[in-house]
Amino acid sequence: MRVQPMAASPADAVRWTAIVAIGALLALFRLVLPVSLPESSGDGAREECLTLPDASAIAAPTLVARLERCAALYPADVELMADLGAAYEAAGDATRAERVDGRVLTMAPDYADVRVRLARLLLRRGDIAGAQRHARAALRVQPNRKAIIDLIGDGGGGERTGDAR
């Protein structure tokens, strides 16, 4: 006995196309959403990490501890890692700030603000060549930004014009 395939109606074709499109959109959302919350994290950790950037009056040691906890839960969150680097710098821990800023730049090489912060940290510890390299990379992303041009000038490169390459 031979089974003949059933001809699909136009309505079936539309339904099938809609199902495929919805599946593709869901897959796309999983790729582009900035924060991916693991299933195992509790609601408390989830809420803390999502609202942490809005908490402006947190004492430095508490803020660093919270950011470290969230960074451990969400290591691919670039903004969270950048906030952690800034918190380390504000707390006076330049070594950790440099390390975290370096990780941020491996994930987002065009993050100019982090490059500027890292350049300032390197300049403070005397690494003029490293500071210049990061400042020039930031300037390529944000041309003619005065703070970057001044930083390049402070680092011994001498260029203070808008075309500091």
N, C-alpha and C. Protein backbone atom coordinates (compact mmCIF):
# COMPACT_ATOMS: atom_id res chain seq x y z
N MET A 1 0.84 -1.17 0.00
CA MET A 1 0.00 0.00 0.00
C MET A 1 0.89 1.24 0.00
N ARG A 2 0.61 2.08 -0.88
CA ARG A 2 1.40 3.30 -1.03
C ARG A 2 0.60 4.48 -0.47
N VAL A 3 1.32 5.32 0.36
CA VAL A 3 0.67 6.48 0.96
C VAL A 3 1.02 7.70 0.15
N GLN A 4 0.01 8.40 -0.25
CA GLN A 4 0.20 9.64 -1.01
C GLN A 4 0.33 10.81 -0.04
N PRO A 5 1.31 11.69 -0.27
CA PRO A 5 1.41 12.86 0.60
C PRO A 5 0.20 13.76 0.43
N MET A 6 -0.25 14.28 1.53
CA MET A 6 -1.42 15.13 1.50
C MET A 6 -1.02 16.55 1.08
N ALA A 7 -1.74 17.11 0.18
CA ALA A 7 -1.45 18.47 -0.27
C ALA A 7 -1.79 19.45 0.84
N ALA A 8 -0.86 20.34 1.12
CA ALA A 8 -1.07 21.33 2.17
C ALA A 8 -1.91 22.47 1.62
N SER A 9 -2.81 22.92 2.44
CA SER A 9 -3.64 24.06 2.05
C SER A 9 -2.84 25.34 2.26
N PRO A 10 -3.25 26.43 1.64
CA PRO A 10 -2.56 27.71 1.86
C PRO A 10 -2.57 28.11 3.34
N ALA A 11 -3.62 27.79 4.06
CA ALA A 11 -3.69 28.12 5.49
C ALA A 11 -2.63 27.34 6.27
N ASP A 12 -2.41 26.06 5.89
CA ASP A 12 -1.37 25.26 6.55
C ASP A 12 0.01 25.85 6.27
N ALA A 13 0.23 26.30 5.08
CA ALA A 13 1.52 26.89 4.72
C ALA A 13 1.77 28.17 5.52
N VAL A 14 0.74 28.98 5.69
CA VAL A 14 0.87 30.21 6.46
C VAL A 14 1.16 29.88 7.92
N ARG A 15 0.45 28.89 8.48
CA ARG A 15 0.67 28.48 9.86
C ARG A 15 2.10 27.99 10.06
N TRP A 16 2.57 27.17 9.15
CA TRP A 16 3.92 26.62 9.24
C TRP A 16 4.97 27.73 9.14
N THR A 17 4.76 28.67 8.25
CA THR A 17 5.68 29.81 8.11
C THR A 17 5.71 30.63 9.39
N ALA A 18 4.56 30.85 10.01
CA ALA A 18 4.49 31.61 11.25
C ALA A 18 5.23 30.90 12.38
N ILE A 19 5.09 29.58 12.46
CA ILE A 19 5.79 28.81 13.49
C ILE A 19 7.30 28.91 13.31
N VAL A 20 7.75 28.78 12.08
CA VAL A 20 9.18 28.88 11.80
C VAL A 20 9.69 30.28 12.12
N ALA A 21 8.94 31.31 11.75
CA ALA A 21 9.35 32.69 12.01
C ALA A 21 9.44 32.98 13.51
N ILE A 22 8.47 32.49 14.27
CA ILE A 22 8.49 32.69 15.73
C ILE A 22 9.70 31.98 16.33
N GLY A 23 9.98 30.78 15.88
CA GLY A 23 11.16 30.06 16.37
C GLY A 23 12.44 30.81 16.06
N ALA A 24 12.53 31.38 14.86
CA ALA A 24 13.73 32.14 14.48
C ALA A 24 13.86 33.40 15.34
N LEU A 25 12.75 34.08 15.62
CA LEU A 25 12.79 35.27 16.47
C LEU A 25 13.23 34.93 17.89
N LEU A 26 12.72 33.84 18.43
CA LEU A 26 13.12 33.43 19.77
C LEU A 26 14.62 33.12 19.82
N ALA A 27 15.12 32.45 18.79
CA ALA A 27 16.55 32.15 18.73
C ALA A 27 17.36 33.45 18.64
N LEU A 28 16.89 34.41 17.87
CA LEU A 28 17.57 35.69 17.74
C LEU A 28 17.59 36.44 19.06
N PHE A 29 16.47 36.47 19.78
CA PHE A 29 16.41 37.13 21.07
C PHE A 29 17.41 36.54 22.05
N ARG A 30 17.59 35.23 22.02
CA ARG A 30 18.55 34.59 22.92
C ARG A 30 19.97 35.06 22.61
N LEU A 31 20.24 35.40 21.34
CA LEU A 31 21.58 35.85 20.96
C LEU A 31 21.84 37.30 21.30
N VAL A 32 20.83 38.17 21.19
CA VAL A 32 21.08 39.60 21.31
C VAL A 32 20.72 40.21 22.65
N LEU A 33 20.00 39.53 23.49
CA LEU A 33 19.65 40.12 24.77
C LEU A 33 20.92 40.32 25.60
N PRO A 34 21.11 41.51 26.20
CA PRO A 34 22.36 41.82 26.88
C PRO A 34 22.59 41.05 28.17
N VAL A 35 21.54 40.69 28.85
CA VAL A 35 21.70 39.99 30.12
C VAL A 35 21.07 38.62 30.00
N SER A 36 21.85 37.61 30.27
CA SER A 36 21.34 36.26 30.25
C SER A 36 21.38 35.73 31.67
N LEU A 37 20.24 35.54 32.26
CA LEU A 37 20.18 35.12 33.65
C LEU A 37 20.13 33.60 33.75
N PRO A 38 21.08 33.00 34.47
CA PRO A 38 21.07 31.55 34.59
C PRO A 38 19.85 31.07 35.35
N GLU A 39 19.41 29.89 35.00
CA GLU A 39 18.23 29.31 35.63
C GLU A 39 18.45 29.08 37.12
N SER A 40 19.69 28.79 37.53
CA SER A 40 19.95 28.42 38.91
C SER A 40 19.98 29.61 39.87
N SER A 41 20.10 30.83 39.34
CA SER A 41 20.18 31.97 40.25
C SER A 41 18.82 32.22 40.87
N GLY A 42 18.83 32.55 42.14
CA GLY A 42 17.59 32.82 42.83
C GLY A 42 17.02 34.17 42.42
N ASP A 43 15.77 34.40 42.75
CA ASP A 43 15.13 35.66 42.39
C ASP A 43 15.83 36.84 43.06
N GLY A 44 16.37 36.64 44.27
CA GLY A 44 17.07 37.71 44.96
C GLY A 44 18.31 38.15 44.20
N ALA A 45 19.13 37.20 43.75
CA ALA A 45 20.35 37.53 43.00
C ALA A 45 19.99 38.16 41.67
N ARG A 46 18.97 37.64 41.04
CA ARG A 46 18.53 38.18 39.76
C ARG A 46 18.11 39.64 39.90
N GLU A 47 17.28 39.92 40.88
CA GLU A 47 16.80 41.28 41.11
C GLU A 47 17.94 42.21 41.49
N GLU A 48 18.84 41.74 42.36
CA GLU A 48 19.97 42.57 42.78
C GLU A 48 20.83 42.98 41.59
N CYS A 49 21.14 42.05 40.73
CA CYS A 49 22.02 42.33 39.60
C CYS A 49 21.36 43.20 38.55
N LEU A 50 20.07 43.07 38.38
CA LEU A 50 19.37 43.90 37.40
C LEU A 50 19.16 45.32 37.88
N THR A 51 19.07 45.52 39.19
CA THR A 51 18.82 46.86 39.72
C THR A 51 20.09 47.53 40.23
N LEU A 52 21.19 46.83 40.26
CA LEU A 52 22.43 47.38 40.80
C LEU A 52 22.88 48.67 40.13
N PRO A 53 22.82 48.80 38.80
CA PRO A 53 23.23 50.06 38.19
C PRO A 53 22.40 51.26 38.64
N ASP A 54 21.18 51.03 39.13
CA ASP A 54 20.32 52.11 39.57
C ASP A 54 20.61 52.54 41.00
N ALA A 55 21.39 51.73 41.73
CA ALA A 55 21.66 52.02 43.13
C ALA A 55 22.88 52.94 43.22
N SER A 56 22.64 54.24 43.38
CA SER A 56 23.73 55.20 43.34
C SER A 56 24.35 55.48 44.71
N ALA A 57 23.66 55.18 45.79
CA ALA A 57 24.15 55.54 47.11
C ALA A 57 24.68 54.34 47.89
N ILE A 58 25.31 53.41 47.20
CA ILE A 58 25.86 52.23 47.87
C ILE A 58 27.30 52.52 48.24
N ALA A 59 27.69 52.22 49.48
CA ALA A 59 29.06 52.45 49.93
C ALA A 59 30.01 51.60 49.10
N ALA A 60 31.22 52.13 48.86
CA ALA A 60 32.19 51.49 47.96
C ALA A 60 32.46 50.01 48.28
N PRO A 61 32.75 49.63 49.53
CA PRO A 61 33.02 48.20 49.78
C PRO A 61 31.81 47.31 49.49
N THR A 62 30.63 47.80 49.82
CA THR A 62 29.41 47.04 49.56
C THR A 62 29.17 46.94 48.06
N LEU A 63 29.39 48.04 47.35
CA LEU A 63 29.19 48.05 45.90
C LEU A 63 30.15 47.07 45.22
N VAL A 64 31.41 47.09 45.61
CA VAL A 64 32.39 46.17 45.01
C VAL A 64 31.97 44.72 45.26
N ALA A 65 31.57 44.41 46.47
CA ALA A 65 31.15 43.03 46.80
C ALA A 65 29.95 42.62 45.97
N ARG A 66 28.98 43.50 45.84
CA ARG A 66 27.79 43.18 45.04
C ARG A 66 28.15 43.00 43.56
N LEU A 67 28.98 43.90 43.05
CA LEU A 67 29.38 43.79 41.64
C LEU A 67 30.18 42.52 41.39
N GLU A 68 31.03 42.14 42.32
CA GLU A 68 31.80 40.89 42.18
C GLU A 68 30.86 39.69 42.13
N ARG A 69 29.85 39.69 43.00
CA ARG A 69 28.88 38.60 43.03
C ARG A 69 28.12 38.52 41.70
N CYS A 70 27.68 39.66 41.20
CA CYS A 70 26.93 39.68 39.95
C CYS A 70 27.83 39.32 38.77
N ALA A 71 29.08 39.79 38.80
CA ALA A 71 30.02 39.47 37.71
C ALA A 71 30.31 37.97 37.67
N ALA A 72 30.31 37.33 38.82
CA ALA A 72 30.51 35.88 38.84
C ALA A 72 29.30 35.16 38.24
N LEU A 73 28.11 35.70 38.47
CA LEU A 73 26.90 35.10 37.90
C LEU A 73 26.77 35.38 36.41
N TYR A 74 27.19 36.56 35.97
CA TYR A 74 27.00 36.97 34.59
C TYR A 74 28.32 37.49 33.99
N PRO A 75 29.29 36.62 33.78
CA PRO A 75 30.61 37.06 33.34
C PRO A 75 30.65 37.65 31.93
N ALA A 76 29.63 37.46 31.14
CA ALA A 76 29.62 38.00 29.78
C ALA A 76 28.92 39.36 29.69
N ASP A 77 28.46 39.90 30.80
CA ASP A 77 27.78 41.18 30.81
C ASP A 77 28.83 42.29 30.82
N VAL A 78 29.05 42.91 29.67
CA VAL A 78 30.11 43.91 29.49
C VAL A 78 29.89 45.11 30.40
N GLU A 79 28.68 45.61 30.46
CA GLU A 79 28.40 46.79 31.29
C GLU A 79 28.66 46.50 32.77
N LEU A 80 28.27 45.34 33.21
CA LEU A 80 28.50 44.95 34.60
C LEU A 80 29.99 44.88 34.89
N MET A 81 30.75 44.31 33.96
CA MET A 81 32.20 44.22 34.15
C MET A 81 32.83 45.62 34.14
N ALA A 82 32.35 46.50 33.27
CA ALA A 82 32.87 47.87 33.24
C ALA A 82 32.57 48.59 34.55
N ASP A 83 31.38 48.36 35.10
CA ASP A 83 31.04 48.95 36.39
C ASP A 83 31.96 48.41 37.49
N LEU A 84 32.28 47.13 37.42
CA LEU A 84 33.17 46.53 38.42
C LEU A 84 34.56 47.15 38.32
N GLY A 85 35.07 47.36 37.11
CA GLY A 85 36.36 48.01 36.94
C GLY A 85 36.37 49.41 37.52
N ALA A 86 35.30 50.16 37.29
CA ALA A 86 35.19 51.52 37.83
C ALA A 86 35.12 51.49 39.35
N ALA A 87 34.41 50.50 39.90
CA ALA A 87 34.29 50.39 41.36
C ALA A 87 35.65 50.05 41.98
N TYR A 88 36.41 49.16 41.34
CA TYR A 88 37.75 48.86 41.83
C TYR A 88 38.63 50.11 41.82
N GLU A 89 38.54 50.87 40.74
CA GLU A 89 39.35 52.10 40.67
C GLU A 89 38.93 53.07 41.77
N ALA A 90 37.63 53.25 41.96
CA ALA A 90 37.14 54.16 43.00
C ALA A 90 37.55 53.70 44.40
N ALA A 91 37.68 52.39 44.58
CA ALA A 91 38.07 51.84 45.88
C ALA A 91 39.59 51.86 46.05
N GLY A 92 40.33 52.31 45.02
CA GLY A 92 41.78 52.40 45.12
C GLY A 92 42.52 51.13 44.76
N ASP A 93 41.85 50.16 44.14
CA ASP A 93 42.48 48.90 43.75
C ASP A 93 42.78 48.94 42.25
N ALA A 94 43.86 49.64 41.89
CA ALA A 94 44.21 49.83 40.48
C ALA A 94 44.55 48.52 39.79
N THR A 95 45.18 47.60 40.49
CA THR A 95 45.56 46.32 39.88
C THR A 95 44.33 45.55 39.41
N ARG A 96 43.34 45.44 40.28
CA ARG A 96 42.10 44.74 39.88
C ARG A 96 41.35 45.52 38.81
N ALA A 97 41.36 46.83 38.92
CA ALA A 97 40.67 47.66 37.90
C ALA A 97 41.29 47.41 36.53
N GLU A 98 42.62 47.39 36.46
CA GLU A 98 43.30 47.12 35.19
C GLU A 98 42.94 45.74 34.64
N ARG A 99 42.93 44.76 35.51
CA ARG A 99 42.61 43.39 35.09
C ARG A 99 41.19 43.29 34.53
N VAL A 100 40.23 43.87 35.24
CA VAL A 100 38.84 43.82 34.80
C VAL A 100 38.65 44.63 33.51
N ASP A 101 39.27 45.80 33.44
CA ASP A 101 39.17 46.61 32.23
C ASP A 101 39.74 45.85 31.03
N GLY A 102 40.83 45.13 31.23
CA GLY A 102 41.39 44.31 30.16
C GLY A 102 40.41 43.24 29.69
N ARG A 103 39.69 42.62 30.64
CA ARG A 103 38.67 41.62 30.27
C ARG A 103 37.54 42.27 29.49
N VAL A 104 37.13 43.46 29.90
CA VAL A 104 36.06 44.17 29.19
C VAL A 104 36.48 44.40 27.75
N LEU A 105 37.73 44.81 27.56
CA LEU A 105 38.19 45.12 26.21
C LEU A 105 38.36 43.88 25.35
N THR A 106 38.52 42.71 25.95
CA THR A 106 38.54 41.50 25.13
C THR A 106 37.14 41.19 24.62
N MET A 107 36.12 41.59 25.40
CA MET A 107 34.74 41.36 24.98
C MET A 107 34.23 42.48 24.08
N ALA A 108 34.68 43.70 24.33
CA ALA A 108 34.19 44.88 23.58
C ALA A 108 35.37 45.81 23.30
N PRO A 109 36.16 45.51 22.28
CA PRO A 109 37.37 46.29 22.01
C PRO A 109 37.14 47.77 21.71
N ASP A 110 35.95 48.15 21.30
CA ASP A 110 35.66 49.55 20.98
C ASP A 110 35.01 50.31 22.14
N TYR A 111 35.10 49.80 23.34
CA TYR A 111 34.52 50.45 24.51
C TYR A 111 35.46 51.58 24.93
N ALA A 112 35.26 52.76 24.34
CA ALA A 112 36.19 53.89 24.50
C ALA A 112 36.32 54.35 25.95
N ASP A 113 35.23 54.40 26.70
CA ASP A 113 35.31 54.88 28.07
C ASP A 113 36.21 53.98 28.92
N VAL A 114 36.13 52.68 28.70
CA VAL A 114 36.99 51.76 29.44
C VAL A 114 38.44 51.93 28.99
N ARG A 115 38.65 52.15 27.71
CA ARG A 115 40.02 52.39 27.22
C ARG A 115 40.60 53.66 27.86
N VAL A 116 39.80 54.70 28.01
CA VAL A 116 40.27 55.93 28.64
C VAL A 116 40.61 55.66 30.10
N ARG A 117 39.74 54.97 30.81
CA ARG A 117 40.01 54.66 32.22
C ARG A 117 41.29 53.83 32.35
N LEU A 118 41.44 52.82 31.49
CA LEU A 118 42.62 51.99 31.53
C LEU A 118 43.87 52.80 31.19
N ALA A 119 43.77 53.70 30.23
CA ALA A 119 44.91 54.56 29.88
C ALA A 119 45.33 55.42 31.08
N ARG A 120 44.36 55.95 31.80
CA ARG A 120 44.69 56.76 32.99
C ARG A 120 45.36 55.91 34.07
N LEU A 121 44.86 54.70 34.27
CA LEU A 121 45.46 53.80 35.25
C LEU A 121 46.91 53.48 34.87
N LEU A 122 47.13 53.18 33.59
CA LEU A 122 48.47 52.85 33.12
C LEU A 122 49.40 54.06 33.24
N LEU A 123 48.88 55.23 32.94
CA LEU A 123 49.68 56.45 33.04
C LEU A 123 50.11 56.69 34.49
N ARG A 124 49.19 56.47 35.43
CA ARG A 124 49.51 56.66 36.85
C ARG A 124 50.64 55.75 37.31
N ARG A 125 50.70 54.55 36.76
CA ARG A 125 51.76 53.65 37.20
C ARG A 125 52.99 53.71 36.30
N GLY A 126 53.00 54.67 35.35
CA GLY A 126 54.18 54.92 34.56
C GLY A 126 54.28 54.19 33.24
N ASP A 127 53.25 53.47 32.85
CA ASP A 127 53.27 52.76 31.56
C ASP A 127 52.76 53.70 30.48
N ILE A 128 53.64 54.60 30.04
CA ILE A 128 53.25 55.63 29.07
C ILE A 128 52.88 55.01 27.73
N ALA A 129 53.66 54.03 27.28
CA ALA A 129 53.37 53.39 25.98
C ALA A 129 52.00 52.71 26.00
N GLY A 130 51.68 52.00 27.07
CA GLY A 130 50.39 51.35 27.18
C GLY A 130 49.25 52.36 27.24
N ALA A 131 49.47 53.44 28.00
CA ALA A 131 48.46 54.50 28.10
C ALA A 131 48.21 55.13 26.74
N GLN A 132 49.28 55.41 26.01
CA GLN A 132 49.16 55.99 24.67
C GLN A 132 48.38 55.06 23.74
N ARG A 133 48.71 53.77 23.79
CA ARG A 133 48.05 52.80 22.91
C ARG A 133 46.54 52.78 23.15
N HIS A 134 46.13 52.75 24.42
CA HIS A 134 44.69 52.70 24.73
C HIS A 134 44.01 54.04 24.43
N ALA A 135 44.70 55.15 24.69
CA ALA A 135 44.11 56.45 24.40
C ALA A 135 43.91 56.63 22.90
N ARG A 136 44.88 56.21 22.11
CA ARG A 136 44.75 56.34 20.65
C ARG A 136 43.63 55.43 20.12
N ALA A 137 43.49 54.23 20.70
CA ALA A 137 42.40 53.34 20.28
C ALA A 137 41.05 53.96 20.63
N ALA A 138 40.96 54.61 21.79
CA ALA A 138 39.72 55.28 22.18
C ALA A 138 39.42 56.45 21.25
N LEU A 139 40.47 57.16 20.85
CA LEU A 139 40.29 58.30 19.96
C LEU A 139 39.80 57.87 18.58
N ARG A 140 40.17 56.68 18.14
CA ARG A 140 39.67 56.17 16.86
C ARG A 140 38.16 55.94 16.92
N VAL A 141 37.66 55.58 18.10
CA VAL A 141 36.23 55.33 18.27
C VAL A 141 35.48 56.64 18.51
N GLN A 142 36.10 57.53 19.28
CA GLN A 142 35.48 58.82 19.61
C GLN A 142 36.41 59.95 19.18
N PRO A 143 36.47 60.24 17.88
CA PRO A 143 37.39 61.26 17.37
C PRO A 143 37.12 62.62 17.99
N ASN A 144 38.20 63.34 18.23
CA ASN A 144 38.16 64.72 18.73
C ASN A 144 37.55 64.86 20.13
N ARG A 145 37.48 63.79 20.89
CA ARG A 145 37.02 63.89 22.28
C ARG A 145 38.15 64.52 23.10
N LYS A 146 37.89 65.68 23.65
CA LYS A 146 38.91 66.48 24.32
C LYS A 146 39.60 65.72 25.45
N ALA A 147 38.87 64.98 26.24
CA ALA A 147 39.48 64.24 27.36
C ALA A 147 40.53 63.25 26.86
N ILE A 148 40.27 62.63 25.72
CA ILE A 148 41.22 61.67 25.17
C ILE A 148 42.43 62.39 24.60
N ILE A 149 42.20 63.49 23.90
CA ILE A 149 43.29 64.26 23.34
C ILE A 149 44.20 64.78 24.46
N ASP A 150 43.59 65.27 25.54
CA ASP A 150 44.38 65.74 26.69
C ASP A 150 45.16 64.59 27.31
N LEU A 151 44.55 63.43 27.39
CA LEU A 151 45.22 62.26 27.95
C LEU A 151 46.44 61.88 27.11
N ILE A 152 46.29 61.93 25.81
CA ILE A 152 47.42 61.64 24.92
C ILE A 152 48.53 62.66 25.16
N GLY A 153 48.16 63.92 25.31
CA GLY A 153 49.14 64.96 25.60
C GLY A 153 49.82 64.74 26.94
N ASP A 154 49.07 64.33 27.95
CA ASP A 154 49.63 64.08 29.28
C ASP A 154 50.57 62.88 29.28
N GLY A 155 50.34 61.96 28.35
CA GLY A 155 51.15 60.74 28.32
C GLY A 155 52.47 60.91 27.63
N GLY A 156 52.80 62.12 27.20
CA GLY A 156 54.10 62.32 26.59
C GLY A 156 54.10 62.21 25.08
N GLY A 157 52.92 61.98 24.48
CA GLY A 157 52.86 61.89 23.03
C GLY A 157 52.96 63.26 22.38
N GLY A 158 52.61 64.28 23.14
CA GLY A 158 52.78 65.64 22.68
C GLY A 158 51.69 66.14 21.74
N GLU A 159 50.88 65.28 21.17
CA GLU A 159 49.87 65.73 20.20
C GLU A 159 48.64 66.22 20.92
N ARG A 160 48.22 67.44 20.63
CA ARG A 160 47.01 67.97 21.24
C ARG A 160 46.06 68.46 20.18
N THR A 161 46.26 68.07 18.96
CA THR A 161 45.34 68.47 17.89
C THR A 161 44.26 67.43 17.76
N GLY A 162 43.25 67.74 16.99
CA GLY A 162 42.15 66.79 16.78
C GLY A 162 42.57 65.58 16.00
N ASP A 163 43.68 65.64 15.30
CA ASP A 163 44.12 64.52 14.47
C ASP A 163 45.27 63.80 15.14
N ALA A 164 45.03 63.29 16.34
CA ALA A 164 46.09 62.62 17.12
C ALA A 164 46.09 61.13 16.79
N ARG A 165 46.84 60.74 15.77
CA ARG A 165 46.90 59.32 15.41
C ARG A 165 48.26 58.81 15.57
